[in-house]
Structure formats: structure tokens, C-alpha cells
N, C-alpha and C. Protein backbone atom coordinates (compact mmCIF):
# COMPACT_ATOMS: atom_id res chain seq x y z
N MET A 1 -1.97 3.09 12.36
CA MET A 1 -1.09 3.02 11.23
C MET A 1 -1.68 3.89 10.12
N THR A 2 -0.87 4.78 9.60
CA THR A 2 -1.36 5.64 8.54
C THR A 2 -1.38 4.89 7.21
N GLU A 3 -2.09 5.45 6.25
CA GLU A 3 -2.19 4.82 4.94
C GLU A 3 -0.82 4.78 4.25
N LEU A 4 -0.03 5.81 4.43
CA LEU A 4 1.28 5.87 3.81
C LEU A 4 2.18 4.76 4.34
N THR A 5 2.15 4.54 5.64
CA THR A 5 2.93 3.47 6.25
C THR A 5 2.47 2.11 5.75
N PHE A 6 1.17 1.91 5.66
CA PHE A 6 0.61 0.66 5.18
C PHE A 6 1.07 0.38 3.74
N PHE A 7 0.97 1.37 2.86
CA PHE A 7 1.37 1.17 1.47
C PHE A 7 2.88 0.98 1.35
N ALA A 8 3.66 1.64 2.21
CA ALA A 8 5.11 1.45 2.19
C ALA A 8 5.46 0.02 2.58
N ILE A 9 4.78 -0.52 3.57
CA ILE A 9 5.02 -1.91 4.01
C ILE A 9 4.62 -2.88 2.90
N ILE A 10 3.49 -2.63 2.25
CA ILE A 10 3.04 -3.49 1.16
C ILE A 10 4.04 -3.47 0.01
N MET A 11 4.52 -2.29 -0.36
CA MET A 11 5.50 -2.19 -1.45
C MET A 11 6.80 -2.89 -1.08
N LEU A 12 7.23 -2.77 0.16
CA LEU A 12 8.44 -3.46 0.61
C LEU A 12 8.27 -4.97 0.53
N LEU A 13 7.12 -5.47 0.96
CA LEU A 13 6.86 -6.91 0.88
C LEU A 13 6.82 -7.40 -0.56
N ILE A 14 6.25 -6.61 -1.45
CA ILE A 14 6.20 -7.00 -2.87
C ILE A 14 7.62 -7.05 -3.45
N LEU A 15 8.45 -6.08 -3.10
CA LEU A 15 9.83 -6.09 -3.59
C LEU A 15 10.61 -7.27 -3.04
N ILE A 16 10.43 -7.57 -1.76
CA ILE A 16 11.09 -8.73 -1.17
C ILE A 16 10.62 -10.01 -1.85
N GLU A 17 9.34 -10.09 -2.13
CA GLU A 17 8.77 -11.27 -2.78
C GLU A 17 9.34 -11.45 -4.19
N THR A 18 9.29 -10.38 -4.98
CA THR A 18 9.67 -10.48 -6.38
C THR A 18 11.17 -10.67 -6.57
N TYR A 19 11.97 -9.89 -5.87
CA TYR A 19 13.42 -9.91 -6.10
C TYR A 19 14.19 -10.78 -5.11
N GLY A 20 13.55 -11.21 -4.05
CA GLY A 20 14.25 -12.01 -3.05
C GLY A 20 13.77 -13.43 -2.96
N LEU A 21 12.60 -13.61 -2.43
CA LEU A 21 12.11 -14.96 -2.13
C LEU A 21 11.76 -15.76 -3.37
N ALA A 22 11.08 -15.16 -4.33
CA ALA A 22 10.65 -15.90 -5.51
C ALA A 22 11.76 -16.05 -6.54
N ASN A 23 12.84 -15.33 -6.38
CA ASN A 23 13.94 -15.33 -7.34
C ASN A 23 15.02 -16.32 -6.93
N THR A 24 14.62 -17.48 -6.41
CA THR A 24 15.56 -18.51 -6.00
C THR A 24 15.19 -19.84 -6.66
N LYS A 25 16.07 -20.82 -6.50
CA LYS A 25 15.78 -22.12 -7.10
C LYS A 25 14.70 -22.87 -6.33
N TYR A 26 14.39 -22.44 -5.14
CA TYR A 26 13.34 -23.09 -4.34
C TYR A 26 12.01 -22.41 -4.63
N PHE A 27 11.18 -23.06 -5.44
CA PHE A 27 9.91 -22.49 -5.88
C PHE A 27 8.98 -22.22 -4.70
N TRP A 28 9.01 -23.07 -3.70
CA TRP A 28 8.11 -22.95 -2.55
C TRP A 28 8.45 -21.75 -1.68
N LEU A 29 9.70 -21.31 -1.70
CA LEU A 29 10.12 -20.19 -0.86
C LEU A 29 9.39 -18.90 -1.25
N GLY A 30 9.14 -18.74 -2.55
CA GLY A 30 8.42 -17.58 -3.01
C GLY A 30 6.95 -17.59 -2.63
N GLY A 31 6.44 -18.74 -2.21
CA GLY A 31 5.04 -18.85 -1.84
C GLY A 31 4.72 -18.46 -0.41
N ILE A 32 5.73 -18.09 0.35
CA ILE A 32 5.51 -17.75 1.75
C ILE A 32 4.65 -16.50 1.89
N ILE A 33 5.01 -15.42 1.21
CA ILE A 33 4.25 -14.18 1.34
C ILE A 33 2.85 -14.32 0.73
N PRO A 34 2.69 -14.95 -0.47
CA PRO A 34 1.32 -15.15 -0.96
C PRO A 34 0.47 -16.01 -0.03
N LEU A 35 1.07 -17.01 0.59
CA LEU A 35 0.32 -17.85 1.52
C LEU A 35 -0.12 -17.06 2.75
N LEU A 36 0.79 -16.29 3.33
CA LEU A 36 0.44 -15.47 4.49
C LEU A 36 -0.59 -14.41 4.12
N GLY A 37 -0.45 -13.82 2.93
CA GLY A 37 -1.42 -12.83 2.49
C GLY A 37 -2.80 -13.43 2.28
N THR A 38 -2.85 -14.61 1.68
CA THR A 38 -4.13 -15.28 1.45
C THR A 38 -4.79 -15.65 2.76
N ILE A 39 -4.01 -16.16 3.71
CA ILE A 39 -4.56 -16.52 5.02
C ILE A 39 -5.12 -15.28 5.71
N SER A 40 -4.38 -14.16 5.66
CA SER A 40 -4.88 -12.96 6.34
C SER A 40 -6.11 -12.39 5.64
N ILE A 41 -6.17 -12.47 4.31
CA ILE A 41 -7.36 -12.00 3.60
C ILE A 41 -8.57 -12.85 3.99
N VAL A 42 -8.38 -14.17 4.04
CA VAL A 42 -9.49 -15.06 4.41
C VAL A 42 -9.93 -14.80 5.85
N LEU A 43 -8.98 -14.61 6.77
CA LEU A 43 -9.34 -14.33 8.17
C LEU A 43 -10.11 -13.02 8.29
N ILE A 44 -9.68 -12.01 7.55
CA ILE A 44 -10.40 -10.74 7.60
C ILE A 44 -11.81 -10.91 7.06
N MET A 45 -11.96 -11.67 5.99
CA MET A 45 -13.29 -11.88 5.40
C MET A 45 -14.19 -12.68 6.35
N VAL A 46 -13.62 -13.66 7.06
CA VAL A 46 -14.41 -14.48 7.98
C VAL A 46 -14.86 -13.66 9.19
N LYS A 47 -13.98 -12.82 9.70
CA LYS A 47 -14.31 -12.04 10.89
C LYS A 47 -15.19 -10.83 10.61
N SER A 48 -15.27 -10.43 9.36
CA SER A 48 -16.09 -9.28 9.00
C SER A 48 -17.56 -9.64 9.05
N GLU A 49 -18.37 -8.74 9.56
CA GLU A 49 -19.80 -9.01 9.70
C GLU A 49 -20.59 -8.57 8.48
N HIS A 50 -20.21 -7.48 7.88
CA HIS A 50 -20.96 -6.94 6.75
C HIS A 50 -20.10 -7.03 5.49
N ILE A 51 -20.28 -8.09 4.74
CA ILE A 51 -19.50 -8.30 3.52
C ILE A 51 -20.41 -8.07 2.32
N ILE A 52 -19.93 -7.24 1.41
CA ILE A 52 -20.68 -7.02 0.18
C ILE A 52 -19.90 -7.66 -0.97
N PHE A 53 -20.52 -7.69 -2.14
CA PHE A 53 -19.91 -8.34 -3.30
C PHE A 53 -18.57 -7.71 -3.66
N ARG A 54 -18.44 -6.40 -3.51
CA ARG A 54 -17.19 -5.71 -3.81
C ARG A 54 -16.05 -6.23 -2.95
N ASP A 55 -16.33 -6.61 -1.71
CA ASP A 55 -15.30 -7.16 -0.83
C ASP A 55 -14.74 -8.47 -1.36
N TYR A 56 -15.61 -9.30 -1.92
CA TYR A 56 -15.16 -10.56 -2.50
C TYR A 56 -14.28 -10.31 -3.74
N ILE A 57 -14.67 -9.33 -4.53
CA ILE A 57 -13.88 -8.98 -5.72
C ILE A 57 -12.51 -8.46 -5.30
N MET A 58 -12.47 -7.58 -4.33
CA MET A 58 -11.20 -7.01 -3.87
C MET A 58 -10.30 -8.08 -3.25
N ALA A 59 -10.88 -9.01 -2.50
CA ALA A 59 -10.10 -10.11 -1.93
C ALA A 59 -9.53 -10.99 -3.03
N SER A 60 -10.33 -11.27 -4.04
CA SER A 60 -9.86 -12.09 -5.16
C SER A 60 -8.73 -11.39 -5.92
N VAL A 61 -8.86 -10.10 -6.13
CA VAL A 61 -7.82 -9.33 -6.81
C VAL A 61 -6.54 -9.33 -5.97
N GLY A 62 -6.66 -9.18 -4.67
CA GLY A 62 -5.48 -9.19 -3.79
C GLY A 62 -4.74 -10.51 -3.85
N ILE A 63 -5.47 -11.61 -3.81
CA ILE A 63 -4.84 -12.93 -3.89
C ILE A 63 -4.21 -13.13 -5.26
N LEU A 64 -4.89 -12.70 -6.31
CA LEU A 64 -4.37 -12.83 -7.67
C LEU A 64 -3.08 -12.03 -7.84
N VAL A 65 -3.04 -10.83 -7.30
CA VAL A 65 -1.83 -10.00 -7.40
C VAL A 65 -0.66 -10.67 -6.69
N LEU A 66 -0.90 -11.23 -5.53
CA LEU A 66 0.16 -11.94 -4.81
C LEU A 66 0.71 -13.11 -5.63
N LEU A 67 -0.17 -13.87 -6.24
CA LEU A 67 0.25 -15.01 -7.05
C LEU A 67 0.99 -14.57 -8.31
N VAL A 68 0.58 -13.46 -8.90
CA VAL A 68 1.27 -12.95 -10.09
C VAL A 68 2.69 -12.54 -9.75
N PHE A 69 2.88 -11.86 -8.64
CA PHE A 69 4.24 -11.47 -8.24
C PHE A 69 5.11 -12.69 -7.97
N TRP A 70 4.53 -13.73 -7.40
CA TRP A 70 5.26 -14.97 -7.17
C TRP A 70 5.69 -15.57 -8.50
N GLY A 71 4.80 -15.62 -9.44
CA GLY A 71 5.11 -16.17 -10.76
C GLY A 71 6.16 -15.35 -11.49
N GLN A 72 6.07 -14.03 -11.40
CA GLN A 72 7.06 -13.17 -12.06
C GLN A 72 8.46 -13.38 -11.47
N GLY A 73 8.52 -13.55 -10.17
CA GLY A 73 9.83 -13.78 -9.54
C GLY A 73 10.41 -15.11 -9.98
N HIS A 74 9.58 -16.13 -10.08
CA HIS A 74 10.09 -17.43 -10.51
C HIS A 74 10.50 -17.39 -11.99
N ASP A 75 9.76 -16.67 -12.82
CA ASP A 75 10.16 -16.51 -14.22
C ASP A 75 11.49 -15.77 -14.34
N ARG A 76 11.69 -14.79 -13.49
CA ARG A 76 12.96 -14.05 -13.48
C ARG A 76 14.11 -15.00 -13.14
N TYR A 77 13.90 -15.90 -12.18
CA TYR A 77 14.94 -16.86 -11.83
C TYR A 77 15.22 -17.80 -12.99
N THR A 78 14.17 -18.28 -13.66
CA THR A 78 14.34 -19.20 -14.78
C THR A 78 15.11 -18.53 -15.91
N LYS A 79 14.79 -17.29 -16.23
CA LYS A 79 15.50 -16.57 -17.28
C LYS A 79 16.96 -16.35 -16.90
N ARG A 80 17.21 -16.02 -15.63
CA ARG A 80 18.58 -15.79 -15.19
C ARG A 80 19.42 -17.05 -15.30
N THR A 81 18.88 -18.18 -14.88
CA THR A 81 19.65 -19.43 -14.95
C THR A 81 19.87 -19.86 -16.39
N LEU A 82 18.88 -19.65 -17.25
CA LEU A 82 19.05 -19.98 -18.67
C LEU A 82 20.12 -19.10 -19.30
N LYS A 83 20.14 -17.83 -18.95
CA LYS A 83 21.16 -16.92 -19.46
C LYS A 83 22.55 -17.34 -19.00
N GLU A 84 22.69 -17.72 -17.72
CA GLU A 84 23.98 -18.17 -17.21
C GLU A 84 24.42 -19.47 -17.89
N LYS A 85 23.47 -20.37 -18.10
CA LYS A 85 23.79 -21.63 -18.76
C LYS A 85 24.26 -21.39 -20.20
N ASN A 86 23.57 -20.51 -20.92
CA ASN A 86 23.98 -20.19 -22.29
C ASN A 86 25.34 -19.51 -22.33
N LYS A 87 25.61 -18.67 -21.35
CA LYS A 87 26.91 -18.00 -21.28
C LYS A 87 28.03 -19.01 -21.04
N MET A 88 27.80 -19.97 -20.14
CA MET A 88 28.80 -21.01 -19.89
C MET A 88 29.00 -21.87 -21.12
N LEU A 89 27.93 -22.20 -21.82
CA LEU A 89 28.02 -23.02 -23.02
C LEU A 89 28.78 -22.29 -24.12
N SER A 90 28.54 -21.02 -24.28
CA SER A 90 29.26 -20.25 -25.32
C SER A 90 30.73 -20.12 -24.97
N ASN A 91 31.05 -20.02 -23.67
CA ASN A 91 32.47 -19.97 -23.26
C ASN A 91 33.14 -21.30 -23.54
N ASP A 92 32.46 -22.41 -23.33
CA ASP A 92 33.02 -23.73 -23.59
C ASP A 92 33.26 -23.93 -25.08
N LEU A 93 32.31 -23.48 -25.91
CA LEU A 93 32.44 -23.66 -27.34
C LEU A 93 33.54 -22.76 -27.93
N SER A 94 33.71 -21.57 -27.37
CA SER A 94 34.73 -20.67 -27.89
C SER A 94 36.13 -21.12 -27.51
N GLN A 95 36.29 -21.92 -26.47
CA GLN A 95 37.60 -22.39 -26.05
C GLN A 95 38.08 -23.56 -26.90
N LYS A 96 37.19 -24.23 -27.61
CA LYS A 96 37.58 -25.40 -28.41
C LYS A 96 38.08 -25.00 -29.75
């Protein structure tokens, strides 16, 4: 697998996470990709024989990035539902 293909797959997964899975009313659904990513990072770290301190930092950053994208997607859903609720409320008030 070339580096370009790897980065394209990562970017696709991040887009699916942010705009698809985490942008729903089910908070746990957005956690699927971060959970799978965390498990694979931990498995890679366990199977690796020569681990240096930089590897731990990079693994921590990878897990943190996954969790941040999950949180951003959920915040996007919360803002969208609040906007829809305010729009419905303003329509109700304008009809009276």
C-alpha cells in the first residue's frame, strides 16, 4: 500500500466519522472509528519489538485526534438540532 493510498483512506475515514457517524443523535455510533483506531494502535504497539518514547507520543496523538473528531461531530449534531429547534419555535411564535 502506498503512502498516498494510506492517507486517502485515513482522510475518508475522518470525513465519514465527522460528517456521518458522529453527526447523529446516537453518541455511541460516532465512537466506532475511534474505538477501532485505538484498538489497532494498541495492537501495533504491543506487537512492536523496538518501541521508543516517540512511538508512545505518536500513538497518544493519534488517539487524541480520533477523539477530537468524534467530539467535533457530536458538537455539530448538537448545534444543528438546536438551530432546528429555534427555527421551529420562531415559526410557532410568528403564527400567533
